[in-house]
Amino acid sequence: MSFATRLKEEIVNNSVSRIVLESELSAIVRYNAVISKDKIVMTFENGAIARRVYKSLKDIFEIPVQIIIRNQKKLRSKQIYILEIHDKVLEVLNLLKVYKHNRLQSVNNLYLEDPEEIMGFVRGIFLAHGSISDPATSGYHLEFVFNAKTDADFLNKLLKKMKFHSKISKRQNKYMVYLKASEEISDMIRLFEASNSLFYFEDIRIYRDHKNMLNRLNNCDIANQEKTVKAGNEQLANIEFLEQHNLFNLLDEKTMLVALARKKYPECSYQELADIISSEYNYQIGKSGINHHFIKIKKLILNYKSK
C-alpha cells in the first residue's frame, strides 16, 4: 500500500465535525461526480473513501445510496466502487454548495471563510484528486490535480489564505497545485489530523535532514582539508624559494621558527601548527599570528623579485 493510500485511509477513518464533513463532501461531489438532472454518480478506486462518502451521505441526507462494486482487470485486477444517488438530488447539490438555486455554482462564487469549512474542502479535494510522494523513496511532493485552471486557482487562493506557499503548474491538459517544502507538507498532514502518517513523515524527514547535515559537514571538512593542504604546499614552496636564494637567514627569529615548524608539519592547519609551536617551542601563538608570519615571508619574496 502506498503512502498516499495510507494517508487517505487514515483521513477517512477519523471522526470530524458536521461542518468539516459537509465541506469535504462538497469537494468530493464537485470534483468526483457525474451529475445529471435526476442522478449523481461517483466512482472510487479506494474502498475506504467510498465507504466514507456512502455513510456520510446516508447520515446527513437520510437517503438511499446505491453502491456497485466492479472488478477491473486492466494491467492488474482491482475493484472499482460506484455510488449512485437518485433521491433528493437537487437538495444534496444545493446543501453541498455544488448548486445554487438549482444551478451549477461556479467555484469562483463559492464563499468559504470558516477555517473548518476551508480545511474540510481541502481534505475533500485531496481525497478526490490529491497525491503525496513517499518521503522514504523520493523527494517531498504533495499535489492536487484539476481539469480546469479556475479550480486550480481557487484552491491555490485557499492555500495562500492558510499561509501555504503553493504553486501551480500545467501538465499536459491538467493543472497541478503543489507543495514541495517538507515543513509545509508536514503542516498539511497535521491539518488532515492523520497522526500516524505524520509520525512516519516526520521520522523520515528528521533522518534525511540529519543525513544531509552530515553530508554538508563532511563536504565542508573535505573542503577545509583541501584548503589546508593547498595553503601548506604554497608555504613550503615559499620557504624553499627563500632557502634556494639565501634569503632564509633574513627572517626574524620567530618567523624562522614558524617556517621550520611548517617544514616539519606540512599538513597541519594554522590552529594545529599554532598548538604545536606553543607546546614544542614555548612560543605562545594563535592562528592569526601564524598567518602574520607567512605574510612576512610572502613580502620578503615579493621585495626580492621586484628588485
C-alpha atoms as a PDB file:
ATOM      1  CA  MET A   1       0.000   0.000   0.000  1.00  0.00           C
ATOM      2  CA  SER A   2       1.393   3.390  -0.997  1.00  0.00           C
ATOM      3  CA  PHE A   3       1.936   6.221   1.465  1.00  0.00           C
ATOM      4  CA  ALA A   4      -0.750   8.273  -0.317  1.00  0.00           C
ATOM      5  CA  THR A   5      -3.272   5.459   0.115  1.00  0.00           C
ATOM      6  CA  ARG A   6      -2.389   5.015   3.794  1.00  0.00           C
ATOM      7  CA  LEU A   7      -2.759   8.751   4.364  1.00  0.00           C
ATOM      8  CA  LYS A   8      -6.157   8.904   2.666  1.00  0.00           C
ATOM      9  CA  GLU A   9      -7.434   5.903   4.603  1.00  0.00           C
ATOM     10  CA  GLU A  10      -6.302   7.470   7.859  1.00  0.00           C
ATOM     11  CA  ILE A  11      -8.087  10.708   6.935  1.00  0.00           C
ATOM     12  CA  VAL A  12     -11.416   8.995   6.233  1.00  0.00           C
ATOM     13  CA  ASN A  13     -11.207   6.846   9.360  1.00  0.00           C
ATOM     14  CA  ASN A  14     -11.089   9.926  11.609  1.00  0.00           C
ATOM     15  CA  SER A  15     -14.240  11.480  13.031  1.00  0.00           C
ATOM     16  CA  VAL A  16     -14.815  15.134  12.124  1.00  0.00           C
ATOM     17  CA  SER A  17     -17.396  17.827  12.816  1.00  0.00           C
ATOM     18  CA  ARG A  18     -20.534  18.204  10.687  1.00  0.00           C
ATOM     19  CA  ILE A  19     -19.107  21.378   9.097  1.00  0.00           C
ATOM     20  CA  VAL A  20     -15.900  19.643   8.035  1.00  0.00           C
ATOM     21  CA  LEU A  21     -17.786  16.592   6.774  1.00  0.00           C
ATOM     22  CA  GLU A  22     -20.216  18.620   4.628  1.00  0.00           C
ATOM     23  CA  SER A  23     -17.380  20.694   3.198  1.00  0.00           C
ATOM     24  CA  GLU A  24     -15.365  17.549   2.493  1.00  0.00           C
ATOM     25  CA  LEU A  25     -18.357  16.016   0.709  1.00  0.00           C
ATOM     26  CA  SER A  26     -18.867  19.250  -1.225  1.00  0.00           C
ATOM     27  CA  ALA A  27     -15.387  18.987  -2.730  1.00  0.00           C
ATOM     28  CA  ILE A  28     -15.685  15.256  -3.444  1.00  0.00           C
ATOM     29  CA  VAL A  29     -19.035  15.661  -5.219  1.00  0.00           C
ATOM     30  CA  ARG A  30     -17.851  18.756  -7.128  1.00  0.00           C
ATOM     31  CA  TYR A  31     -14.655  17.117  -8.396  1.00  0.00           C
ATOM     32  CA  ASN A  32     -15.524  13.421  -8.500  1.00  0.00           C
ATOM     33  CA  ALA A  33     -19.145  13.183  -9.620  1.00  0.00           C
ATOM     34  CA  VAL A  34     -21.020  12.960 -12.883  1.00  0.00           C
ATOM     35  CA  ILE A  35     -24.198  14.973 -12.340  1.00  0.00           C
ATOM     36  CA  SER A  36     -27.446  14.841 -14.281  1.00  0.00           C
ATOM     37  CA  LYS A  37     -30.984  16.063 -13.518  1.00  0.00           C
ATOM     38  CA  ASP A  38     -32.004  13.016 -11.555  1.00  0.00           C
ATOM     39  CA  LYS A  39     -28.742  11.272 -10.661  1.00  0.00           C
ATOM     40  CA  ILE A  40     -25.323  11.753  -9.056  1.00  0.00           C
ATOM     41  CA  VAL A  41     -22.691   9.124  -9.864  1.00  0.00           C
ATOM     42  CA  MET A  42     -19.285   8.912  -8.160  1.00  0.00           C
ATOM     43  CA  THR A  43     -16.526   6.410  -8.890  1.00  0.00           C
ATOM     44  CA  PHE A  44     -13.745   5.485  -6.448  1.00  0.00           C
ATOM     45  CA  GLU A  45     -10.762   3.152  -6.561  1.00  0.00           C
ATOM     46  CA  ASN A  46     -10.269   3.400  -2.795  1.00  0.00           C
ATOM     47  CA  GLY A  47     -12.794   1.369  -0.819  1.00  0.00           C
ATOM     48  CA  ALA A  48     -12.245   3.351   2.395  1.00  0.00           C
ATOM     49  CA  ILE A  49     -13.125   6.642   0.676  1.00  0.00           C
ATOM     50  CA  ALA A  50     -16.167   5.056  -0.967  1.00  0.00           C
ATOM     51  CA  ARG A  51     -17.399   3.815   2.429  1.00  0.00           C
ATOM     52  CA  ARG A  52     -16.830   7.264   3.996  1.00  0.00           C
ATOM     53  CA  VAL A  53     -18.852   9.007   1.257  1.00  0.00           C
ATOM     54  CA  TYR A  54     -21.547   6.326   1.365  1.00  0.00           C
ATOM     55  CA  LYS A  55     -22.012   6.577   5.132  1.00  0.00           C
ATOM     56  CA  SER A  56     -21.811  10.389   5.174  1.00  0.00           C
ATOM     57  CA  LEU A  57     -24.480  10.801   2.503  1.00  0.00           C
ATOM     58  CA  LYS A  58     -26.817   8.417   4.309  1.00  0.00           C
ATOM     59  CA  ASP A  59     -26.258  10.084   7.706  1.00  0.00           C
ATOM     60  CA  ILE A  60     -26.586  13.677   6.522  1.00  0.00           C
ATOM     61  CA  PHE A  61     -29.373  13.358   3.948  1.00  0.00           C
ATOM     62  CA  GLU A  62     -31.076  10.147   5.122  1.00  0.00           C
ATOM     63  CA  ILE A  63     -31.322   8.914   1.559  1.00  0.00           C
ATOM     64  CA  PRO A  64     -30.615   5.527  -0.025  1.00  0.00           C
ATOM     65  CA  VAL A  65     -27.289   5.342  -1.810  1.00  0.00           C
ATOM     66  CA  GLN A  66     -26.744   2.580  -4.309  1.00  0.00           C
ATOM     67  CA  ILE A  67     -23.268   1.042  -4.309  1.00  0.00           C
ATOM     68  CA  ILE A  68     -21.933  -1.059  -7.186  1.00  0.00           C
ATOM     69  CA  ILE A  69     -18.625  -2.944  -6.990  1.00  0.00           C
ATOM     70  CA  ARG A  70     -16.914  -3.915 -10.215  1.00  0.00           C
ATOM     71  CA  ASN A  71     -13.683  -5.752 -10.884  1.00  0.00           C
ATOM     72  CA  GLN A  72     -11.368  -4.047 -13.321  1.00  0.00           C
ATOM     73  CA  LYS A  73      -8.667  -6.152 -14.958  1.00  0.00           C
ATOM     74  CA  LYS A  74      -6.569  -3.644 -16.901  1.00  0.00           C
ATOM     75  CA  LEU A  75      -2.899  -4.332 -16.147  1.00  0.00           C
ATOM     76  CA  ARG A  76      -3.788  -5.554 -12.661  1.00  0.00           C
ATOM     77  CA  SER A  77      -7.018  -6.640 -11.049  1.00  0.00           C
ATOM     78  CA  LYS A  78      -8.670  -4.081  -8.768  1.00  0.00           C
ATOM     79  CA  GLN A  79     -12.118  -3.179  -7.520  1.00  0.00           C
ATOM     80  CA  ILE A  80     -13.986  -0.064  -8.571  1.00  0.00           C
ATOM     81  CA  TYR A  81     -16.686   1.369  -6.290  1.00  0.00           C
ATOM     82  CA  ILE A  82     -19.568   3.269  -7.889  1.00  0.00           C
ATOM     83  CA  LEU A  83     -22.011   5.262  -5.746  1.00  0.00           C
ATOM     84  CA  GLU A  84     -25.306   6.420  -7.221  1.00  0.00           C
ATOM     85  CA  ILE A  85     -27.807   8.863  -5.704  1.00  0.00           C
ATOM     86  CA  HIS A  86     -31.314   9.063  -7.181  1.00  0.00           C
ATOM     87  CA  ASP A  87     -33.224  10.707  -4.316  1.00  0.00           C
ATOM     88  CA  LYS A  88     -33.171  14.389  -3.307  1.00  0.00           C
ATOM     89  CA  VAL A  89     -30.526  15.112  -5.963  1.00  0.00           C
ATOM     90  CA  LEU A  90     -31.106  18.883  -6.064  1.00  0.00           C
ATOM     91  CA  GLU A  91     -31.335  19.084  -2.273  1.00  0.00           C
ATOM     92  CA  VAL A  92     -27.970  17.324  -1.936  1.00  0.00           C
ATOM     93  CA  LEU A  93     -26.312  19.531  -4.553  1.00  0.00           C
ATOM     94  CA  ASN A  94     -27.690  22.750  -3.045  1.00  0.00           C
ATOM     95  CA  LEU A  95     -26.737  21.889   0.543  1.00  0.00           C
ATOM     96  CA  LEU A  96     -23.230  20.922  -0.536  1.00  0.00           C
ATOM     97  CA  LYS A  97     -22.890  24.229  -2.451  1.00  0.00           C
ATOM     98  CA  VAL A  98     -22.284  22.466  -5.729  1.00  0.00           C
ATOM     99  CA  TYR A  99     -25.528  24.005  -6.967  1.00  0.00           C
ATOM    100  CA  LYS A 100     -27.063  27.335  -6.027  1.00  0.00           C
ATOM    101  CA  HIS A 101     -30.764  27.909  -6.708  1.00  0.00           C
ATOM    102  CA  ASN A 102     -30.753  24.580  -8.564  1.00  0.00           C
ATOM    103  CA  ARG A 103     -27.992  25.702 -10.959  1.00  0.00           C
ATOM    104  CA  LEU A 104     -24.321  24.717 -11.016  1.00  0.00           C
ATOM    105  CA  GLN A 105     -22.382  27.193  -8.891  1.00  0.00           C
ATOM    106  CA  SER A 106     -19.002  28.286 -10.254  1.00  0.00           C
ATOM    107  CA  VAL A 107     -16.143  27.734  -7.858  1.00  0.00           C
ATOM    108  CA  ASN A 108     -15.346  31.451  -8.230  1.00  0.00           C
ATOM    109  CA  ASN A 109     -18.644  32.214  -6.499  1.00  0.00           C
ATOM    110  CA  LEU A 110     -18.062  29.695  -3.733  1.00  0.00           C
ATOM    111  CA  TYR A 111     -17.634  31.543  -0.444  1.00  0.00           C
ATOM    112  CA  LEU A 112     -15.528  29.716   2.142  1.00  0.00           C
ATOM    113  CA  GLU A 113     -14.444  31.666   5.192  1.00  0.00           C
ATOM    114  CA  ASP A 114     -14.748  29.401   8.232  1.00  0.00           C
ATOM    115  CA  PRO A 115     -11.370  27.654   8.873  1.00  0.00           C
ATOM    116  CA  GLU A 116     -13.118  24.312   9.448  1.00  0.00           C
ATOM    117  CA  GLU A 117     -15.046  24.691   6.217  1.00  0.00           C
ATOM    118  CA  ILE A 118     -11.866  25.521   4.301  1.00  0.00           C
ATOM    119  CA  MET A 119      -9.989  22.602   5.807  1.00  0.00           C
ATOM    120  CA  GLY A 120     -12.841  20.226   5.006  1.00  0.00           C
ATOM    121  CA  PHE A 121     -12.890  21.401   1.399  1.00  0.00           C
ATOM    122  CA  VAL A 122      -9.126  20.922   1.029  1.00  0.00           C
ATOM    123  CA  ARG A 123      -9.418  17.446   2.586  1.00  0.00           C
ATOM    124  CA  GLY A 124     -12.160  16.575   0.111  1.00  0.00           C
ATOM    125  CA  ILE A 125     -10.072  17.693  -2.873  1.00  0.00           C
ATOM    126  CA  PHE A 126      -7.123  15.673  -1.610  1.00  0.00           C
ATOM    127  CA  LEU A 127      -9.301  12.568  -1.210  1.00  0.00           C
ATOM    128  CA  ALA A 128     -10.717  13.052  -4.717  1.00  0.00           C
ATOM    129  CA  HIS A 129      -7.672  14.174  -6.705  1.00  0.00           C
ATOM    130  CA  GLY A 130      -4.694  14.503  -4.382  1.00  0.00           C
ATOM    131  CA  SER A 131      -1.477  12.559  -4.092  1.00  0.00           C
ATOM    132  CA  ILE A 132       1.680  12.639  -1.991  1.00  0.00           C
ATOM    133  CA  SER A 133       5.065  11.045  -2.625  1.00  0.00           C
ATOM    134  CA  ASP A 134       6.559   8.640  -0.122  1.00  0.00           C
ATOM    135  CA  PRO A 135       9.419  10.540   1.565  1.00  0.00           C
ATOM    136  CA  ALA A 136      11.282   7.258   2.042  1.00  0.00           C
ATOM    137  CA  THR A 137      11.615   6.628  -1.698  1.00  0.00           C
ATOM    138  CA  SER A 138      11.528  10.051  -3.371  1.00  0.00           C
ATOM    139  CA  GLY A 139      11.542  13.776  -2.712  1.00  0.00           C
ATOM    140  CA  TYR A 140       8.896  15.808  -0.906  1.00  0.00           C
ATOM    141  CA  HIS A 141       5.842  16.448  -3.067  1.00  0.00           C
ATOM    142  CA  LEU A 142       2.110  16.880  -2.408  1.00  0.00           C
ATOM    143  CA  GLU A 143      -0.245  17.796  -5.227  1.00  0.00           C
ATOM    144  CA  PHE A 144      -3.870  18.326  -6.241  1.00  0.00           C
ATOM    145  CA  VAL A 145      -4.801  17.799  -9.900  1.00  0.00           C
ATOM    146  CA  PHE A 146      -7.607  19.593 -11.771  1.00  0.00           C
ATOM    147  CA  ASN A 147      -9.067  19.640 -15.264  1.00  0.00           C
ATOM    148  CA  ALA A 148      -9.772  23.394 -15.171  1.00  0.00           C
ATOM    149  CA  LYS A 149      -7.428  26.250 -14.316  1.00  0.00           C
ATOM    150  CA  THR A 150     -10.207  28.093 -12.439  1.00  0.00           C
ATOM    151  CA  ASP A 151     -10.373  25.224  -9.942  1.00  0.00           C
ATOM    152  CA  ALA A 152      -6.585  25.215  -9.523  1.00  0.00           C
ATOM    153  CA  ASP A 153      -6.597  28.992  -8.979  1.00  0.00           C
ATOM    154  CA  PHE A 154      -9.355  28.689  -6.382  1.00  0.00           C
ATOM    155  CA  LEU A 155      -7.512  26.050  -4.347  1.00  0.00           C
ATOM    156  CA  ASN A 156      -4.282  27.994  -4.641  1.00  0.00           C
ATOM    157  CA  LYS A 157      -6.016  31.034  -3.122  1.00  0.00           C
ATOM    158  CA  LEU A 158      -7.387  28.902  -0.285  1.00  0.00           C
ATOM    159  CA  LEU A 159      -3.931  27.516   0.470  1.00  0.00           C
ATOM    160  CA  LYS A 160      -2.422  31.009   0.401  1.00  0.00           C
ATOM    161  CA  LYS A 161      -5.088  32.075   2.904  1.00  0.00           C
ATOM    162  CA  MET A 162      -3.905  29.172   5.079  1.00  0.00           C
ATOM    163  CA  LYS A 163      -0.297  30.502   4.810  1.00  0.00           C
ATOM    164  CA  PHE A 164       0.938  27.759   2.464  1.00  0.00           C
ATOM    165  CA  HIS A 165       3.321  28.690  -0.364  1.00  0.00           C
ATOM    166  CA  SER A 166       1.668  26.551  -3.031  1.00  0.00           C
ATOM    167  CA  LYS A 167       2.353  26.841  -6.747  1.00  0.00           C
ATOM    168  CA  ILE A 168       0.509  25.944  -9.961  1.00  0.00           C
ATOM    169  CA  SER A 169       1.918  24.170 -12.987  1.00  0.00           C
ATOM    170  CA  LYS A 170       0.380  22.725 -16.138  1.00  0.00           C
ATOM    171  CA  ARG A 171       0.975  19.099 -17.066  1.00  0.00           C
ATOM    172  CA  GLN A 172      -0.441  18.189 -20.462  1.00  0.00           C
ATOM    173  CA  ASN A 173      -4.130  19.140 -20.159  1.00  0.00           C
ATOM    174  CA  LYS A 174      -4.203  19.105 -16.358  1.00  0.00           C
ATOM    175  CA  TYR A 175      -3.444  21.792 -13.766  1.00  0.00           C
ATOM    176  CA  MET A 176      -1.490  20.883 -10.690  1.00  0.00           C
ATOM    177  CA  VAL A 177      -1.415  22.767  -7.375  1.00  0.00           C
ATOM    178  CA  TYR A 178       1.550  21.520  -5.368  1.00  0.00           C
ATOM    179  CA  LEU A 179       3.685  21.883  -2.266  1.00  0.00           C
ATOM    180  CA  LYS A 180       7.400  20.995  -2.246  1.00  0.00           C
ATOM    181  CA  ALA A 181       8.641  22.253   1.126  1.00  0.00           C
ATOM    182  CA  SER A 182       8.837  19.392   3.632  1.00  0.00           C
ATOM    183  CA  GLU A 183       7.749  21.665   6.513  1.00  0.00           C
ATOM    184  CA  GLU A 184       4.581  22.706   4.668  1.00  0.00           C
ATOM    185  CA  ILE A 185       3.711  19.143   3.652  1.00  0.00           C
ATOM    186  CA  SER A 186       4.134  18.153   7.293  1.00  0.00           C
ATOM    187  CA  ASP A 187       1.798  21.007   8.310  1.00  0.00           C
ATOM    188  CA  MET A 188      -0.766  19.844   5.756  1.00  0.00           C
ATOM    189  CA  ILE A 189      -0.717  16.272   7.093  1.00  0.00           C
ATOM    190  CA  ARG A 190      -1.111  17.712  10.594  1.00  0.00           C
ATOM    191  CA  LEU A 191      -4.173  19.685   9.456  1.00  0.00           C
ATOM    192  CA  PHE A 192      -5.560  16.456   7.994  1.00  0.00           C
ATOM    193  CA  GLU A 193      -5.290  15.098  11.576  1.00  0.00           C
ATOM    194  CA  ALA A 194      -3.504  11.995  10.309  1.00  0.00           C
ATOM    195  CA  SER A 195      -1.166  11.406  13.257  1.00  0.00           C
ATOM    196  CA  ASN A 196       0.258   8.037  12.152  1.00  0.00           C
ATOM    197  CA  SER A 197       1.127   9.372   8.704  1.00  0.00           C
ATOM    198  CA  LEU A 198       2.564  12.487  10.316  1.00  0.00           C
ATOM    199  CA  PHE A 199       4.859  10.471  12.608  1.00  0.00           C
ATOM    200  CA  TYR A 200       6.023   8.392   9.635  1.00  0.00           C
ATOM    201  CA  PHE A 201       6.682  11.504   7.536  1.00  0.00           C
ATOM    202  CA  GLU A 202       8.469  13.334  10.366  1.00  0.00           C
ATOM    203  CA  ASP A 203      10.678  10.333  11.234  1.00  0.00           C
ATOM    204  CA  ILE A 204      11.912  10.145   7.656  1.00  0.00           C
ATOM    205  CA  ARG A 205      12.228  13.912   7.352  1.00  0.00           C
ATOM    206  CA  ILE A 206      14.375  14.089  10.512  1.00  0.00           C
ATOM    207  CA  TYR A 207      16.530  11.188   9.280  1.00  0.00           C
ATOM    208  CA  ARG A 208      17.019  12.787   5.851  1.00  0.00           C
ATOM    209  CA  ASP A 209      17.745  16.219   7.325  1.00  0.00           C
ATOM    210  CA  HIS A 210      20.313  14.678   9.684  1.00  0.00           C
ATOM    211  CA  LYS A 211      21.897  12.746   6.822  1.00  0.00           C
ATOM    212  CA  ASN A 212      22.034  15.891   4.658  1.00  0.00           C
ATOM    213  CA  MET A 213      23.601  17.838   7.518  1.00  0.00           C
ATOM    214  CA  LEU A 214      26.286  15.164   7.956  1.00  0.00           C
ATOM    215  CA  ASN A 215      26.976  15.229   4.221  1.00  0.00           C
ATOM    216  CA  ARG A 216      27.328  19.009   4.302  1.00  0.00           C
ATOM    217  CA  LEU A 217      29.677  18.792   7.283  1.00  0.00           C
ATOM    218  CA  ASN A 218      31.724  16.090   5.561  1.00  0.00           C
ATOM    219  CA  ASN A 219      31.903  18.177   2.405  1.00  0.00           C
ATOM    220  CA  CYS A 220      32.923  21.173   4.500  1.00  0.00           C
ATOM    221  CA  ASP A 221      35.621  19.106   6.233  1.00  0.00           C
ATOM    222  CA  ILE A 222      36.938  17.882   2.890  1.00  0.00           C
ATOM    223  CA  ALA A 223      36.968  21.428   1.513  1.00  0.00           C
ATOM    224  CA  ASN A 224      38.799  22.675   4.610  1.00  0.00           C
ATOM    225  CA  GLN A 225      41.331  19.854   4.354  1.00  0.00           C
ATOM    226  CA  GLU A 226      41.950  20.640   0.695  1.00  0.00           C
ATOM    227  CA  LYS A 227      42.327  24.310   1.550  1.00  0.00           C
ATOM    228  CA  THR A 228      44.792  23.457   4.339  1.00  0.00           C
ATOM    229  CA  VAL A 229      46.869  21.213   2.066  1.00  0.00           C
ATOM    230  CA  LYS A 230      46.916  23.842  -0.679  1.00  0.00           C
ATOM    231  CA  ALA A 231      47.977  26.585   1.752  1.00  0.00           C
ATOM    232  CA  GLY A 232      50.657  24.311   3.258  1.00  0.00           C
ATOM    233  CA  ASN A 233      52.077  23.498  -0.179  1.00  0.00           C
ATOM    234  CA  GLU A 234      52.243  27.178  -1.100  1.00  0.00           C
ATOM    235  CA  GLN A 235      54.011  27.998   2.150  1.00  0.00           C
ATOM    236  CA  LEU A 236      56.522  25.156   1.663  1.00  0.00           C
ATOM    237  CA  ALA A 237      57.231  26.443  -1.836  1.00  0.00           C
ATOM    238  CA  ASN A 238      57.852  29.945  -0.429  1.00  0.00           C
ATOM    239  CA  ILE A 239      60.204  28.573   2.257  1.00  0.00           C
ATOM    240  CA  GLU A 240      62.060  26.570  -0.394  1.00  0.00           C
ATOM    241  CA  PHE A 241      62.389  29.734  -2.502  1.00  0.00           C
ATOM    242  CA  LEU A 242      63.963  31.564   0.452  1.00  0.00           C
ATOM    243  CA  GLU A 243      66.423  28.744   1.034  1.00  0.00           C
ATOM    244  CA  GLN A 244      67.391  28.486  -2.631  1.00  0.00           C
ATOM    245  CA  HIS A 245      68.074  32.220  -2.846  1.00  0.00           C
ATOM    246  CA  ASN A 246      69.874  32.506   0.521  1.00  0.00           C
ATOM    247  CA  LEU A 247      67.080  34.630   1.969  1.00  0.00           C
ATOM    248  CA  PHE A 248      66.043  32.358   4.833  1.00  0.00           C
ATOM    249  CA  ASN A 249      68.505  33.939   7.301  1.00  0.00           C
ATOM    250  CA  LEU A 250      66.897  37.349   6.663  1.00  0.00           C
ATOM    251  CA  LEU A 251      63.800  36.201   8.574  1.00  0.00           C
ATOM    252  CA  ASP A 252      63.426  37.271  12.189  1.00  0.00           C
ATOM    253  CA  GLU A 253      63.765  34.573  14.825  1.00  0.00           C
ATOM    254  CA  LYS A 254      60.054  33.954  15.367  1.00  0.00           C
ATOM    255  CA  THR A 255      59.182  33.868  11.652  1.00  0.00           C
ATOM    256  CA  MET A 256      62.056  31.455  11.094  1.00  0.00           C
ATOM    257  CA  LEU A 257      60.687  29.279  13.889  1.00  0.00           C
ATOM    258  CA  VAL A 258      57.231  29.192  12.227  1.00  0.00           C
ATOM    259  CA  ALA A 259      58.808  28.337   8.865  1.00  0.00           C
ATOM    260  CA  LEU A 260      60.795  25.455  10.390  1.00  0.00           C
ATOM    261  CA  ALA A 261      57.640  24.155  12.091  1.00  0.00           C
ATOM    262  CA  ARG A 262      55.788  24.255   8.782  1.00  0.00           C
ATOM    263  CA  LYS A 263      58.540  22.196   7.128  1.00  0.00           C
ATOM    264  CA  LYS A 264      58.289  19.654   9.943  1.00  0.00           C
ATOM    265  CA  TYR A 265      54.438  19.541   9.891  1.00  0.00           C
ATOM    266  CA  PRO A 266      53.440  20.290   6.268  1.00  0.00           C
ATOM    267  CA  GLU A 267      49.801  19.097   6.508  1.00  0.00           C
ATOM    268  CA  CYS A 268      48.802  20.853   9.753  1.00  0.00           C
ATOM    269  CA  SER A 269      46.169  23.582   9.808  1.00  0.00           C
ATOM    270  CA  TYR A 270      47.004  27.023  11.231  1.00  0.00           C
ATOM    271  CA  GLN A 271      45.394  26.085  14.554  1.00  0.00           C
ATOM    272  CA  GLU A 272      47.238  22.766  14.758  1.00  0.00           C
ATOM    273  CA  LEU A 273      50.511  24.463  13.843  1.00  0.00           C
ATOM    274  CA  ALA A 274      49.927  27.155  16.476  1.00  0.00           C
ATOM    275  CA  ASP A 275      49.254  24.497  19.143  1.00  0.00           C
ATOM    276  CA  ILE A 276      52.440  22.594  18.220  1.00  0.00           C
ATOM    277  CA  ILE A 277      54.618  25.724  18.269  1.00  0.00           C
ATOM    278  CA  SER A 278      53.129  26.805  21.593  1.00  0.00           C
ATOM    279  CA  SER A 279      53.857  23.438  23.203  1.00  0.00           C
ATOM    280  CA  GLU A 280      57.106  22.356  21.482  1.00  0.00           C
ATOM    281  CA  TYR A 281      58.848  25.700  21.013  1.00  0.00           C
ATOM    282  CA  ASN A 282      57.483  27.559  24.034  1.00  0.00           C
ATOM    283  CA  TYR A 283      56.232  30.379  21.805  1.00  0.00           C
ATOM    284  CA  GLN A 284      52.622  31.254  22.532  1.00  0.00           C
ATOM    285  CA  ILE A 285      50.928  31.983  19.213  1.00  0.00           C
ATOM    286  CA  GLY A 286      47.488  31.747  17.627  1.00  0.00           C
ATOM    287  CA  LYS A 287      46.094  31.266  14.129  1.00  0.00           C
ATOM    288  CA  SER A 288      46.325  34.968  13.282  1.00  0.00           C
ATOM    289  CA  GLY A 289      49.951  35.009  14.435  1.00  0.00           C
ATOM    290  CA  ILE A 290      50.804  32.085  12.140  1.00  0.00           C
ATOM    291  CA  ASN A 291      49.158  33.892   9.238  1.00  0.00           C
ATOM    292  CA  HIS A 292      51.075  37.084  10.081  1.00  0.00           C
ATOM    293  CA  HIS A 293      54.443  35.292   9.828  1.00  0.00           C
ATOM    294  CA  PHE A 294      53.614  33.747   6.451  1.00  0.00           C
ATOM    295  CA  ILE A 295      52.592  37.183   5.176  1.00  0.00           C
ATOM    296  CA  LYS A 296      56.074  38.368   6.197  1.00  0.00           C
ATOM    297  CA  ILE A 297      57.614  35.533   4.152  1.00  0.00           C
ATOM    298  CA  LYS A 298      55.497  36.475   1.111  1.00  0.00           C
ATOM    299  CA  LYS A 299      56.505  40.139   1.406  1.00  0.00           C
ATOM    300  CA  LEU A 300      60.194  39.212   1.569  1.00  0.00           C
ATOM    301  CA  ILE A 301      59.843  37.173  -1.647  1.00  0.00           C
ATOM    302  CA  LEU A 302      57.925  39.951  -3.417  1.00  0.00           C
ATOM    303  CA  ASN A 303      60.529  42.524  -2.429  1.00  0.00           C
ATOM    304  CA  TYR A 304      63.306  40.258  -3.729  1.00  0.00           C
ATOM    305  CA  LYS A 305      61.517  39.675  -7.053  1.00  0.00           C
ATOM    306  CA  SER A 306      60.779  43.372  -7.543  1.00  0.00           C
ATOM    307  CA  LYS A 307      64.469  44.316  -7.458  1.00  0.00           C
END
